């Protein structure tokens, strides 16, 4: 009987790559997280960064706001932030931020807005 090494199965590398990129959810979790900080990490961190500075490659490319800035936070009203999360942001017909209204309910979006407010540093 002929045996094959793992090297001959490129799909193994794909599965390993996916396992590293998307770690398993916590036990019992069947979808996206529910707490605002976890929602931020799940939906927002890729562009806005873990601390809210917008210092990711994609965030810098898109010119996302620095949520740690007092000046930036003062310029954004809660209802503006809510609308941006729910409906997304388009500039000159180009999507700058995708809408999350189909993924998040009103309470989750309000929680995200409140969480983003905590990122402000004096």
PDB file of N, CA and C in Angstrom:
ATOM      1  N   UNK A   1       0.838  -1.180   0.000  1.00  0.00           N
ATOM      2  CA  UNK A   1       0.000   0.000   0.000  1.00  0.00           C
ATOM      3  C   UNK A   1       0.882   1.242   0.000  1.00  0.00           C
ATOM      4  N   UNK A   2       0.527   2.157  -0.861  1.00  0.00           N
ATOM      5  CA  UNK A   2       1.317   3.368  -1.020  1.00  0.00           C
ATOM      6  C   UNK A   2       0.845   4.439  -0.022  1.00  0.00           C
ATOM      7  N   UNK A   3       1.762   5.063   0.708  1.00  0.00           N
ATOM      8  CA  UNK A   3       1.390   6.129   1.644  1.00  0.00           C
ATOM      9  C   UNK A   3       1.815   7.467   1.070  1.00  0.00           C
ATOM     10  N   UNK A   4       1.097   8.481   1.433  1.00  0.00           N
ATOM     11  CA  UNK A   4       1.420   9.823   0.949  1.00  0.00           C
ATOM     12  C   UNK A   4       1.792  10.700   2.140  1.00  0.00           C
ATOM     13  N   UNK A   5       2.718  11.587   1.898  1.00  0.00           N
ATOM     14  CA  UNK A   5       3.089  12.517   2.959  1.00  0.00           C
ATOM     15  C   UNK A   5       2.109  13.686   2.948  1.00  0.00           C
ATOM     16  N   UNK A   6       2.065  14.419   4.042  1.00  0.00           N
ATOM     17  CA  UNK A   6       1.183  15.582   4.120  1.00  0.00           C
ATOM     18  C   UNK A   6       1.569  16.635   3.092  1.00  0.00           C
ATOM     19  N   UNK A   7       2.824  16.657   2.678  1.00  0.00           N
ATOM     20  CA  UNK A   7       3.267  17.638   1.697  1.00  0.00           C
ATOM     21  C   UNK A   7       2.542  17.485   0.366  1.00  0.00           C
ATOM     22  N   UNK A   8       2.048  16.314   0.091  1.00  0.00           N
ATOM     23  CA  UNK A   8       1.373  16.099  -1.188  1.00  0.00           C
ATOM     24  C   UNK A   8      -0.083  16.553  -1.164  1.00  0.00           C
ATOM     25  N   UNK A   9      -0.536  17.026  -0.050  1.00  0.00           N
ATOM     26  CA  UNK A   9      -1.908  17.507   0.061  1.00  0.00           C
ATOM     27  C   UNK A   9      -1.921  19.015   0.318  1.00  0.00           C
ATOM     28  N   UNK A  10      -1.992  19.825  -0.736  1.00  0.00           N
ATOM     29  CA  UNK A  10      -1.994  21.279  -0.544  1.00  0.00           C
ATOM     30  C   UNK A  10      -3.182  21.769   0.274  1.00  0.00           C
ATOM     31  N   UNK A  11      -4.275  21.021   0.278  1.00  0.00           N
ATOM     32  CA  UNK A  11      -5.445  21.449   1.037  1.00  0.00           C
ATOM     33  C   UNK A  11      -5.175  21.447   2.528  1.00  0.00           C
ATOM     34  N   UNK A  12      -4.233  20.641   2.971  1.00  0.00           N
ATOM     35  CA  UNK A  12      -3.870  20.628   4.392  1.00  0.00           C
ATOM     36  C   UNK A  12      -3.311  21.991   4.782  1.00  0.00           C
ATOM     37  N   UNK A  13      -2.517  22.559   3.896  1.00  0.00           N
ATOM     38  CA  UNK A  13      -1.950  23.886   4.169  1.00  0.00           C
ATOM     39  C   UNK A  13      -3.049  24.937   4.216  1.00  0.00           C
ATOM     40  N   UNK A  14      -4.039  24.810   3.347  1.00  0.00           N
ATOM     41  CA  UNK A  14      -5.155  25.745   3.347  1.00  0.00           C
ATOM     42  C   UNK A  14      -5.923  25.649   4.664  1.00  0.00           C
ATOM     43  N   UNK A  15      -6.201  24.448   5.106  1.00  0.00           N
ATOM     44  CA  UNK A  15      -6.937  24.252   6.359  1.00  0.00           C
ATOM     45  C   UNK A  15      -6.147  24.806   7.538  1.00  0.00           C
ATOM     46  N   UNK A  16      -4.849  24.546   7.561  1.00  0.00           N
ATOM     47  CA  UNK A  16      -4.013  25.082   8.640  1.00  0.00           C
ATOM     48  C   UNK A  16      -4.017  26.597   8.616  1.00  0.00           C
ATOM     49  N   UNK A  17      -3.938  27.172   7.421  1.00  0.00           N
ATOM     50  CA  UNK A  17      -3.972  28.627   7.298  1.00  0.00           C
ATOM     51  C   UNK A  17      -5.275  29.206   7.809  1.00  0.00           C
ATOM     52  N   UNK A  18      -6.387  28.571   7.470  1.00  0.00           N
ATOM     53  CA  UNK A  18      -7.685  29.039   7.958  1.00  0.00           C
ATOM     54  C   UNK A  18      -7.804  28.891   9.469  1.00  0.00           C
ATOM     55  N   UNK A  19      -7.276  27.812  10.007  1.00  0.00           N
ATOM     56  CA  UNK A  19      -7.337  27.588  11.453  1.00  0.00           C
ATOM     57  C   UNK A  19      -6.557  28.665  12.203  1.00  0.00           C
ATOM     58  N   UNK A  20      -5.462  29.095  11.633  1.00  0.00           N
ATOM     59  CA  UNK A  20      -4.653  30.139  12.273  1.00  0.00           C
ATOM     60  C   UNK A  20      -5.327  31.492  12.121  1.00  0.00           C
ATOM     61  N   UNK A  21      -5.890  31.757  10.935  1.00  0.00           N
ATOM     62  CA  UNK A  21      -6.516  33.039  10.668  1.00  0.00           C
ATOM     63  C   UNK A  21      -7.811  33.223  11.432  1.00  0.00           C
ATOM     64  N   UNK A  22      -8.610  32.163  11.518  1.00  0.00           N
ATOM     65  CA  UNK A  22      -9.905  32.239  12.179  1.00  0.00           C
ATOM     66  C   UNK A  22      -9.940  31.246  13.337  1.00  0.00           C
ATOM     67  N   UNK A  23      -9.435  31.664  14.513  1.00  0.00           N
ATOM     68  CA  UNK A  23      -9.433  30.750  15.651  1.00  0.00           C
ATOM     69  C   UNK A  23     -10.854  30.360  16.044  1.00  0.00           C
ATOM     70  N   UNK A  24     -11.004  29.219  16.680  1.00  0.00           N
ATOM     71  CA  UNK A  24     -12.345  28.766  17.050  1.00  0.00           C
ATOM     72  C   UNK A  24     -13.012  29.720  18.028  1.00  0.00           C
ATOM     73  N   UNK A  25     -14.345  29.802  17.936  1.00  0.00           N
ATOM     74  CA  UNK A  25     -15.101  30.637  18.864  1.00  0.00           C
ATOM     75  C   UNK A  25     -15.140  29.962  20.221  1.00  0.00           C
ATOM     76  N   UNK A  26     -15.443  30.760  21.228  1.00  0.00           N
ATOM     77  CA  UNK A  26     -15.518  30.186  22.563  1.00  0.00           C
ATOM     78  C   UNK A  26     -16.649  29.169  22.621  1.00  0.00           C
ATOM     79  N   UNK A  27     -16.551  28.262  23.552  1.00  0.00           N
ATOM     80  CA  UNK A  27     -17.535  27.190  23.695  1.00  0.00           C
ATOM     81  C   UNK A  27     -18.942  27.759  23.836  1.00  0.00           C
ATOM     82  N   UNK A  28     -19.859  27.222  23.049  1.00  0.00           N
ATOM     83  CA  UNK A  28     -21.239  27.640  23.126  1.00  0.00           C
ATOM     84  C   UNK A  28     -21.575  28.833  22.244  1.00  0.00           C
ATOM     85  N   UNK A  29     -20.594  29.507  21.712  1.00  0.00           N
ATOM     86  CA  UNK A  29     -20.856  30.668  20.873  1.00  0.00           C
ATOM     87  C   UNK A  29     -21.194  30.195  19.466  1.00  0.00           C
ATOM     88  N   UNK A  30     -22.327  30.650  18.957  1.00  0.00           N
ATOM     89  CA  UNK A  30     -22.768  30.178  17.650  1.00  0.00           C
ATOM     90  C   UNK A  30     -22.719  31.260  16.584  1.00  0.00           C
ATOM     91  N   UNK A  31     -22.236  32.412  16.886  1.00  0.00           N
ATOM     92  CA  UNK A  31     -22.174  33.499  15.912  1.00  0.00           C
ATOM     93  C   UNK A  31     -21.272  34.594  16.419  1.00  0.00           C
ATOM     94  N   UNK A  32     -21.451  35.777  15.879  1.00  0.00           N
ATOM     95  CA  UNK A  32     -20.629  36.905  16.319  1.00  0.00           C
ATOM     96  C   UNK A  32     -20.798  37.173  17.808  1.00  0.00           C
ATOM     97  N   UNK A  33     -19.825  37.825  18.407  1.00  0.00           N
ATOM     98  CA  UNK A  33     -19.911  38.125  19.842  1.00  0.00           C
ATOM     99  C   UNK A  33     -21.055  39.080  20.144  1.00  0.00           C
ATOM    100  N   UNK A  34     -21.403  39.195  21.409  1.00  0.00           N
ATOM    101  CA  UNK A  34     -22.524  40.041  21.823  1.00  0.00           C
ATOM    102  C   UNK A  34     -22.088  41.291  22.589  1.00  0.00           C
ATOM    103  N   UNK A  35     -20.979  41.243  23.317  1.00  0.00           N
ATOM    104  CA  UNK A  35     -20.521  42.401  24.083  1.00  0.00           C
ATOM    105  C   UNK A  35     -19.898  43.429  23.137  1.00  0.00           C
ATOM    106  N   UNK A  36     -20.068  44.706  23.463  1.00  0.00           N
ATOM    107  CA  UNK A  36     -19.610  45.781  22.581  1.00  0.00           C
ATOM    108  C   UNK A  36     -18.114  45.692  22.281  1.00  0.00           C
ATOM    109  N   UNK A  37     -17.297  45.438  23.296  1.00  0.00           N
ATOM    110  CA  UNK A  37     -15.850  45.350  23.075  1.00  0.00           C
ATOM    111  C   UNK A  37     -15.521  44.189  22.137  1.00  0.00           C
ATOM    112  N   UNK A  38     -16.226  43.084  22.302  1.00  0.00           N
ATOM    113  CA  UNK A  38     -16.004  41.929  21.437  1.00  0.00           C
ATOM    114  C   UNK A  38     -16.525  42.192  20.028  1.00  0.00           C
ATOM    115  N   UNK A  39     -17.658  42.893  19.923  1.00  0.00           N
ATOM    116  CA  UNK A  39     -18.178  43.272  18.611  1.00  0.00           C
ATOM    117  C   UNK A  39     -17.170  44.165  17.889  1.00  0.00           C
ATOM    118  N   UNK A  40     -16.594  45.106  18.622  1.00  0.00           N
ATOM    119  CA  UNK A  40     -15.583  45.988  18.041  1.00  0.00           C
ATOM    120  C   UNK A  40     -14.418  45.148  17.498  1.00  0.00           C
ATOM    121  N   UNK A  41     -13.949  44.210  18.297  1.00  0.00           N
ATOM    122  CA  UNK A  41     -12.853  43.351  17.860  1.00  0.00           C
ATOM    123  C   UNK A  41     -13.221  42.519  16.638  1.00  0.00           C
ATOM    124  N   UNK A  42     -14.460  42.098  16.562  1.00  0.00           N
ATOM    125  CA  UNK A  42     -14.928  41.234  15.473  1.00  0.00           C
ATOM    126  C   UNK A  42     -15.150  42.010  14.177  1.00  0.00           C
ATOM    127  N   UNK A  43     -15.788  43.185  14.272  1.00  0.00           N
ATOM    128  CA  UNK A  43     -16.178  43.921  13.080  1.00  0.00           C
ATOM    129  C   UNK A  43     -15.293  45.123  12.747  1.00  0.00           C
ATOM    130  N   UNK A  44     -14.707  45.766  13.728  1.00  0.00           N
ATOM    131  CA  UNK A  44     -14.084  47.075  13.523  1.00  0.00           C
ATOM    132  C   UNK A  44     -12.560  47.073  13.540  1.00  0.00           C
ATOM    133  N   UNK A  45     -11.995  46.161  14.311  1.00  0.00           N
ATOM    134  CA  UNK A  45     -10.553  46.167  14.550  1.00  0.00           C
ATOM    135  C   UNK A  45      -9.716  46.083  13.274  1.00  0.00           C
ATOM    136  N   UNK A  46     -10.202  45.406  12.268  1.00  0.00           N
ATOM    137  CA  UNK A  46      -9.436  45.238  11.029  1.00  0.00           C
ATOM    138  C   UNK A  46      -9.039  46.553  10.389  1.00  0.00           C
ATOM    139  N   UNK A  47      -9.898  47.537  10.472  1.00  0.00           N
ATOM    140  CA  UNK A  47      -9.602  48.853   9.903  1.00  0.00           C
ATOM    141  C   UNK A  47      -9.220  49.869  10.979  1.00  0.00           C
ATOM    142  N   UNK A  48      -9.975  49.863  12.076  1.00  0.00           N
ATOM    143  CA  UNK A  48      -9.793  50.893  13.102  1.00  0.00           C
ATOM    144  C   UNK A  48      -8.712  50.547  14.126  1.00  0.00           C
ATOM    145  N   UNK A  49      -8.210  49.324  14.098  1.00  0.00           N
ATOM    146  CA  UNK A  49      -7.156  48.925  15.026  1.00  0.00           C
ATOM    147  C   UNK A  49      -7.691  48.572  16.396  1.00  0.00           C
ATOM    148  N   UNK A  50      -6.921  47.807  17.137  1.00  0.00           N
ATOM    149  CA  UNK A  50      -7.340  47.338  18.457  1.00  0.00           C
ATOM    150  C   UNK A  50      -7.589  48.486  19.431  1.00  0.00           C
ATOM    151  N   UNK A  51      -6.809  49.556  19.302  1.00  0.00           N
ATOM    152  CA  UNK A  51      -6.949  50.685  20.224  1.00  0.00           C
ATOM    153  C   UNK A  51      -7.817  51.799  19.660  1.00  0.00           C
ATOM    154  N   UNK A  52      -8.223  51.693  18.390  1.00  0.00           N
ATOM    155  CA  UNK A  52      -9.052  52.716  17.774  1.00  0.00           C
ATOM    156  C   UNK A  52      -8.278  53.792  17.041  1.00  0.00           C
ATOM    157  N   UNK A  53      -6.968  53.661  16.974  1.00  0.00           N
ATOM    158  CA  UNK A  53      -6.150  54.684  16.325  1.00  0.00           C
ATOM    159  C   UNK A  53      -6.270  54.682  14.800  1.00  0.00           C
ATOM    160  N   UNK A  54      -6.769  53.601  14.232  1.00  0.00           N
ATOM    161  CA  UNK A  54      -6.863  53.516  12.774  1.00  0.00           C
ATOM    162  C   UNK A  54      -5.517  53.268  12.130  1.00  0.00           C
ATOM    163  N   UNK A  55      -4.622  52.644  12.894  1.00  0.00           N
ATOM    164  CA  UNK A  55      -3.236  52.477  12.447  1.00  0.00           C
ATOM    165  C   UNK A  55      -2.967  51.151  11.733  1.00  0.00           C
ATOM    166  N   UNK A  56      -4.010  50.500  11.251  1.00  0.00           N
ATOM    167  CA  UNK A  56      -3.803  49.290  10.460  1.00  0.00           C
ATOM    168  C   UNK A  56      -3.486  49.701   9.020  1.00  0.00           C
ATOM    169  N   UNK A  57      -2.966  48.775   8.240  1.00  0.00           N
ATOM    170  CA  UNK A  57      -2.673  49.099   6.835  1.00  0.00           C
ATOM    171  C   UNK A  57      -3.925  49.557   6.100  1.00  0.00           C
ATOM    172  N   UNK A  58      -5.004  48.807   6.290  1.00  0.00           N
ATOM    173  CA  UNK A  58      -6.250  49.164   5.622  1.00  0.00           C
ATOM    174  C   UNK A  58      -6.811  50.466   6.174  1.00  0.00           C
ATOM    175  N   UNK A  59      -6.720  50.646   7.474  1.00  0.00           N
ATOM    176  CA  UNK A  59      -7.198  51.882   8.088  1.00  0.00           C
ATOM    177  C   UNK A  59      -6.452  53.102   7.571  1.00  0.00           C
ATOM    178  N   UNK A  60      -5.142  52.971   7.411  1.00  0.00           N
ATOM    179  CA  UNK A  60      -4.354  54.077   6.879  1.00  0.00           C
ATOM    180  C   UNK A  60      -4.702  54.345   5.423  1.00  0.00           C
ATOM    181  N   UNK A  61      -4.914  53.283   4.668  1.00  0.00           N
ATOM    182  CA  UNK A  61      -5.278  53.437   3.253  1.00  0.00           C
ATOM    183  C   UNK A  61      -6.622  54.153   3.112  1.00  0.00           C
ATOM    184  N   UNK A  62      -7.576  53.803   3.973  1.00  0.00           N
ATOM    185  CA  UNK A  62      -8.910  54.400   3.907  1.00  0.00           C
ATOM    186  C   UNK A  62      -9.007  55.738   4.628  1.00  0.00           C
ATOM    187  N   UNK A  63      -8.009  56.067   5.436  1.00  0.00           N
ATOM    188  CA  UNK A  63      -8.033  57.321   6.192  1.00  0.00           C
ATOM    189  C   UNK A  63      -9.076  57.328   7.292  1.00  0.00           C
ATOM    190  N   UNK A  64      -9.208  56.191   8.002  1.00  0.00           N
ATOM    191  CA  UNK A  64     -10.211  56.114   9.064  1.00  0.00           C
ATOM    192  C   UNK A  64      -9.826  57.045  10.220  1.00  0.00           C
ATOM    193  N   UNK A  65     -10.819  57.539  10.947  1.00  0.00           N
ATOM    194  CA  UNK A  65     -10.530  58.463  12.046  1.00  0.00           C
ATOM    195  C   UNK A  65      -9.840  57.768  13.223  1.00  0.00           C
ATOM    196  N   UNK A  66      -9.089  58.560  13.955  1.00  0.00           N
ATOM    197  CA  UNK A  66      -8.411  58.087  15.164  1.00  0.00           C
ATOM    198  C   UNK A  66      -9.374  58.265  16.338  1.00  0.00           C
ATOM    199  N   UNK A  67      -9.995  57.178  16.763  1.00  0.00           N
ATOM    200  CA  UNK A  67     -10.986  57.244  17.833  1.00  0.00           C
ATOM    201  C   UNK A  67     -10.373  57.576  19.190  1.00  0.00           C
ATOM    202  N   UNK A  68      -9.063  57.560  19.308  1.00  0.00           N
ATOM    203  CA  UNK A  68      -8.438  57.934  20.578  1.00  0.00           C
ATOM    204  C   UNK A  68      -8.301  59.452  20.700  1.00  0.00           C
ATOM    205  N   UNK A  69      -8.482  60.170  19.614  1.00  0.00           N
ATOM    206  CA  UNK A  69      -8.333  61.620  19.588  1.00  0.00           C
ATOM    207  C   UNK A  69      -9.561  62.320  20.166  1.00  0.00           C
ATOM    208  N   UNK A  70      -9.327  63.191  21.129  1.00  0.00           N
ATOM    209  CA  UNK A  70     -10.412  63.974  21.722  1.00  0.00           C
ATOM    210  C   UNK A  70     -11.069  64.840  20.652  1.00  0.00           C
ATOM    211  N   UNK A  71     -10.261  65.456  19.785  1.00  0.00           N
ATOM    212  CA  UNK A  71     -10.805  66.317  18.730  1.00  0.00           C
ATOM    213  C   UNK A  71     -11.724  65.538  17.781  1.00  0.00           C
ATOM    214  N   UNK A  72     -11.302  64.361  17.381  1.00  0.00           N
ATOM    215  CA  UNK A  72     -12.113  63.527  16.495  1.00  0.00           C
ATOM    216  C   UNK A  72     -13.407  63.130  17.192  1.00  0.00           C
ATOM    217  N   UNK A  73     -13.293  62.714  18.443  1.00  0.00           N
ATOM    218  CA  UNK A  73     -14.484  62.293  19.201  1.00  0.00           C
ATOM    219  C   UNK A  73     -15.475  63.448  19.361  1.00  0.00           C
ATOM    220  N   UNK A  74     -14.961  64.661  19.572  1.00  0.00           N
ATOM    221  CA  UNK A  74     -15.844  65.822  19.741  1.00  0.00           C
ATOM    222  C   UNK A  74     -16.567  66.166  18.443  1.00  0.00           C
ATOM    223  N   UNK A  75     -15.959  65.863  17.302  1.00  0.00           N
ATOM    224  CA  UNK A  75     -16.566  66.172  15.999  1.00  0.00           C
ATOM    225  C   UNK A  75     -17.689  65.197  15.637  1.00  0.00           C
ATOM    226  N   UNK A  76     -17.696  64.015  16.236  1.00  0.00           N
ATOM    227  CA  UNK A  76     -18.670  62.988  15.871  1.00  0.00           C
ATOM    228  C   UNK A  76     -19.775  62.891  16.916  1.00  0.00           C
ATOM    229  N   UNK A  77     -20.997  63.136  16.483  1.00  0.00           N
ATOM    230  CA  UNK A  77     -22.147  62.947  17.369  1.00  0.00           C
ATOM    231  C   UNK A  77     -22.494  61.466  17.405  1.00  0.00           C
ATOM    232  N   UNK A  78     -23.126  61.038  18.475  1.00  0.00           N
ATOM    233  CA  UNK A  78     -23.515  59.638  18.607  1.00  0.00           C
ATOM    234  C   UNK A  78     -24.393  59.176  17.436  1.00  0.00           C
ATOM    235  N   UNK A  79     -25.339  60.042  17.036  1.00  0.00           N
ATOM    236  CA  UNK A  79     -26.235  59.644  15.947  1.00  0.00           C
ATOM    237  C   UNK A  79     -25.492  59.512  14.616  1.00  0.00           C
ATOM    238  N   UNK A  80     -24.443  60.306  14.416  1.00  0.00           N
ATOM    239  CA  UNK A  80     -23.620  60.177  13.206  1.00  0.00           C
ATOM    240  C   UNK A  80     -22.870  58.846  13.207  1.00  0.00           C
ATOM    241  N   UNK A  81     -22.314  58.515  14.368  1.00  0.00           N
ATOM    242  CA  UNK A  81     -21.589  57.255  14.488  1.00  0.00           C
ATOM    243  C   UNK A  81     -22.530  56.072  14.293  1.00  0.00           C
ATOM    244  N   UNK A  82     -23.713  56.153  14.892  1.00  0.00           N
ATOM    245  CA  UNK A  82     -24.716  55.108  14.758  1.00  0.00           C
ATOM    246  C   UNK A  82     -25.056  54.895  13.278  1.00  0.00           C
ATOM    247  N   UNK A  83     -25.319  55.989  12.568  1.00  0.00           N
ATOM    248  CA  UNK A  83     -25.673  55.919  11.150  1.00  0.00           C
ATOM    249  C   UNK A  83     -24.525  55.334  10.324  1.00  0.00           C
ATOM    250  N   UNK A  84     -23.292  55.714  10.637  1.00  0.00           N
ATOM    251  CA  UNK A  84     -22.138  55.181   9.902  1.00  0.00           C
ATOM    252  C   UNK A  84     -22.020  53.670  10.083  1.00  0.00           C
ATOM    253  N   UNK A  85     -22.236  53.206  11.301  1.00  0.00           N
ATOM    254  CA  UNK A  85     -22.152  51.761  11.571  1.00  0.00           C
ATOM    255  C   UNK A  85     -23.309  51.042  10.883  1.00  0.00           C
ATOM    256  N   UNK A  86     -24.496  51.587  11.000  1.00  0.00           N
ATOM    257  CA  UNK A  86     -25.680  50.936  10.444  1.00  0.00           C
ATOM    258  C   UNK A  86     -25.697  50.952   8.914  1.00  0.00           C
ATOM    259  N   UNK A  87     -25.452  52.121   8.325  1.00  0.00           N
ATOM    260  CA  UNK A  87     -25.619  52.308   6.881  1.00  0.00           C
ATOM    261  C   UNK A  87     -24.312  52.299   6.088  1.00  0.00           C
ATOM    262  N   UNK A  88     -23.178  52.320   6.787  1.00  0.00           N
ATOM    263  CA  UNK A  88     -21.899  52.398   6.098  1.00  0.00           C
ATOM    264  C   UNK A  88     -21.583  53.823   5.688  1.00  0.00           C
ATOM    265  N   UNK A  89     -20.443  53.985   5.031  1.00  0.00           N
ATOM    266  CA  UNK A  89     -20.007  55.311   4.591  1.00  0.00           C
ATOM    267  C   UNK A  89     -19.582  55.208   3.128  1.00  0.00           C
ATOM    268  N   UNK A  90     -20.123  56.115   2.330  1.00  0.00           N
ATOM    269  CA  UNK A  90     -19.723  56.217   0.928  1.00  0.00           C
ATOM    270  C   UNK A  90     -19.214  57.626   0.671  1.00  0.00           C
ATOM    271  N   UNK A  91     -18.143  57.719  -0.087  1.00  0.00           N
ATOM    272  CA  UNK A  91     -17.624  59.003  -0.535  1.00  0.00           C
ATOM    273  C   UNK A  91     -17.434  58.904  -2.030  1.00  0.00           C
ATOM    274  N   UNK A  92     -18.060  59.843  -2.739  1.00  0.00           N
ATOM    275  CA  UNK A  92     -17.951  59.858  -4.204  1.00  0.00           C
ATOM    276  C   UNK A  92     -18.300  58.494  -4.792  1.00  0.00           C
ATOM    277  N   UNK A  93     -19.394  57.926  -4.329  1.00  0.00           N
ATOM    278  CA  UNK A  93     -19.913  56.623  -4.793  1.00  0.00           C
ATOM    279  C   UNK A  93     -18.992  55.444  -4.495  1.00  0.00           C
ATOM    280  N   UNK A  94     -17.986  55.660  -3.666  1.00  0.00           N
ATOM    281  CA  UNK A  94     -17.071  54.584  -3.277  1.00  0.00           C
ATOM    282  C   UNK A  94     -17.337  54.219  -1.827  1.00  0.00           C
ATOM    283  N   UNK A  95     -17.558  52.931  -1.583  1.00  0.00           N
ATOM    284  CA  UNK A  95     -17.810  52.473  -0.219  1.00  0.00           C
ATOM    285  C   UNK A  95     -16.528  52.571   0.599  1.00  0.00           C
ATOM    286  N   UNK A  96     -16.555  53.403   1.646  1.00  0.00           N
ATOM    287  CA  UNK A  96     -15.403  53.589   2.531  1.00  0.00           C
ATOM    288  C   UNK A  96     -15.528  52.704   3.768  1.00  0.00           C
ATOM    289  N   UNK A  97     -16.778  52.404   4.128  1.00  0.00           N
ATOM    290  CA  UNK A  97     -17.048  51.500   5.244  1.00  0.00           C
ATOM    291  C   UNK A  97     -18.331  50.760   4.920  1.00  0.00           C
ATOM    292  N   UNK A  98     -18.282  49.451   5.035  1.00  0.00           N
ATOM    293  CA  UNK A  98     -19.490  48.696   4.698  1.00  0.00           C
ATOM    294  C   UNK A  98     -20.529  48.830   5.806  1.00  0.00           C
ATOM    295  N   UNK A  99     -21.802  48.702   5.450  1.00  0.00           N
ATOM    296  CA  UNK A  99     -22.873  48.804   6.452  1.00  0.00           C
ATOM    297  C   UNK A  99     -22.972  47.531   7.288  1.00  0.00           C
ATOM    298  N   UNK A 100     -23.315  47.711   8.551  1.00  0.00           N
ATOM    299  CA  UNK A 100     -23.467  46.572   9.460  1.00  0.00           C
ATOM    300  C   UNK A 100     -24.882  46.457  10.009  1.00  0.00           C
ATOM    301  N   UNK A 101     -25.814  47.249   9.465  1.00  0.00           N
ATOM    302  CA  UNK A 101     -27.195  47.213   9.916  1.00  0.00           C
ATOM    303  C   UNK A 101     -27.865  45.869   9.707  1.00  0.00           C
ATOM    304  N   UNK A 102     -27.358  45.085   8.774  1.00  0.00           N
ATOM    305  CA  UNK A 102     -27.923  43.761   8.539  1.00  0.00           C
ATOM    306  C   UNK A 102     -27.312  42.700   9.446  1.00  0.00           C
ATOM    307  N   UNK A 103     -26.252  43.060  10.152  1.00  0.00           N
ATOM    308  CA  UNK A 103     -25.576  42.114  11.039  1.00  0.00           C
ATOM    309  C   UNK A 103     -25.777  42.447  12.517  1.00  0.00           C
ATOM    310  N   UNK A 104     -26.010  43.722  12.795  1.00  0.00           N
ATOM    311  CA  UNK A 104     -26.118  44.191  14.182  1.00  0.00           C
ATOM    312  C   UNK A 104     -27.486  44.807  14.418  1.00  0.00           C
ATOM    313  N   UNK A 105     -28.039  44.551  15.601  1.00  0.00           N
ATOM    314  CA  UNK A 105     -29.307  45.187  15.937  1.00  0.00           C
ATOM    315  C   UNK A 105     -29.031  46.564  16.563  1.00  0.00           C
ATOM    316  N   UNK A 106     -30.102  47.294  16.829  1.00  0.00           N
ATOM    317  CA  UNK A 106     -29.977  48.663  17.336  1.00  0.00           C
ATOM    318  C   UNK A 106     -29.184  48.720  18.647  1.00  0.00           C
ATOM    319  N   UNK A 107     -29.461  47.806  19.554  1.00  0.00           N
ATOM    320  CA  UNK A 107     -28.760  47.795  20.847  1.00  0.00           C
ATOM    321  C   UNK A 107     -27.269  47.511  20.675  1.00  0.00           C
ATOM    322  N   UNK A 108     -26.924  46.620  19.777  1.00  0.00           N
ATOM    323  CA  UNK A 108     -25.514  46.318  19.530  1.00  0.00           C
ATOM    324  C   UNK A 108     -24.800  47.531  18.940  1.00  0.00           C
ATOM    325  N   UNK A 109     -25.471  48.236  18.029  1.00  0.00           N
ATOM    326  CA  UNK A 109     -24.855  49.428  17.437  1.00  0.00           C
ATOM    327  C   UNK A 109     -24.682  50.510  18.496  1.00  0.00           C
ATOM    328  N   UNK A 110     -25.694  50.701  19.345  1.00  0.00           N
ATOM    329  CA  UNK A 110     -25.573  51.674  20.441  1.00  0.00           C
ATOM    330  C   UNK A 110     -24.421  51.285  21.369  1.00  0.00           C
ATOM    331  N   UNK A 111     -24.289  49.993  21.627  1.00  0.00           N
ATOM    332  CA  UNK A 111     -23.180  49.516  22.455  1.00  0.00           C
ATOM    333  C   UNK A 111     -21.833  49.805  21.817  1.00  0.00           C
ATOM    334  N   UNK A 112     -21.739  49.626  20.508  1.00  0.00           N
ATOM    335  CA  UNK A 112     -20.494  49.935  19.802  1.00  0.00           C
ATOM    336  C   UNK A 112     -20.163  51.418  19.902  1.00  0.00           C
ATOM    337  N   UNK A 113     -21.170  52.265  19.721  1.00  0.00           N
ATOM    338  CA  UNK A 113     -20.950  53.715  19.839  1.00  0.00           C
ATOM    339  C   UNK A 113     -20.426  54.039  21.238  1.00  0.00           C
ATOM    340  N   UNK A 114     -21.057  53.490  22.255  1.00  0.00           N
ATOM    341  CA  UNK A 114     -20.610  53.728  23.635  1.00  0.00           C
ATOM    342  C   UNK A 114     -19.185  53.208  23.841  1.00  0.00           C
ATOM    343  N   UNK A 115     -18.887  52.040  23.286  1.00  0.00           N
ATOM    344  CA  UNK A 115     -17.536  51.482  23.423  1.00  0.00           C
ATOM    345  C   UNK A 115     -16.509  52.371  22.726  1.00  0.00           C
ATOM    346  N   UNK A 116     -16.831  52.842  21.537  1.00  0.00           N
ATOM    347  CA  UNK A 116     -15.900  53.716  20.803  1.00  0.00           C
ATOM    348  C   UNK A 116     -15.612  54.969  21.613  1.00  0.00           C
ATOM    349  N   UNK A 117     -16.597  55.462  22.341  1.00  0.00           N
ATOM    350  CA  UNK A 117     -16.384  56.636  23.207  1.00  0.00           C
ATOM    351  C   UNK A 117     -15.343  56.350  24.287  1.00  0.00           C
ATOM    352  N   UNK A 118     -15.232  55.118  24.711  1.00  0.00           N
ATOM    353  CA  UNK A 118     -14.253  54.785  25.769  1.00  0.00           C
ATOM    354  C   UNK A 118     -12.816  54.751  25.240  1.00  0.00           C
ATOM    355  N   UNK A 119     -12.658  54.767  23.927  1.00  0.00           N
ATOM    356  CA  UNK A 119     -11.314  54.700  23.340  1.00  0.00           C
ATOM    357  C   UNK A 119     -10.595  56.044  23.386  1.00  0.00           C
ATOM    358  N   UNK A 120     -11.352  57.098  23.644  1.00  0.00           N
ATOM    359  CA  UNK A 120     -10.783  58.457  23.689  1.00  0.00           C
ATOM    360  C   UNK A 120      -9.739  58.565  24.805  1.00  0.00           C
ATOM    361  N   UNK A 121      -8.593  59.123  24.478  1.00  0.00           N
ATOM    362  CA  UNK A 121      -7.550  59.336  25.489  1.00  0.00           C
ATOM    363  C   UNK A 121      -7.257  60.816  25.606  1.00  0.00           C
ATOM    364  N   UNK A 122      -7.265  61.345  26.828  1.00  0.00           N
ATOM    365  CA  UNK A 122      -7.016  62.783  27.032  1.00  0.00           C
ATOM    366  C   UNK A 122      -5.588  63.191  26.699  1.00  0.00           C
TER     367      UNK A 122
END
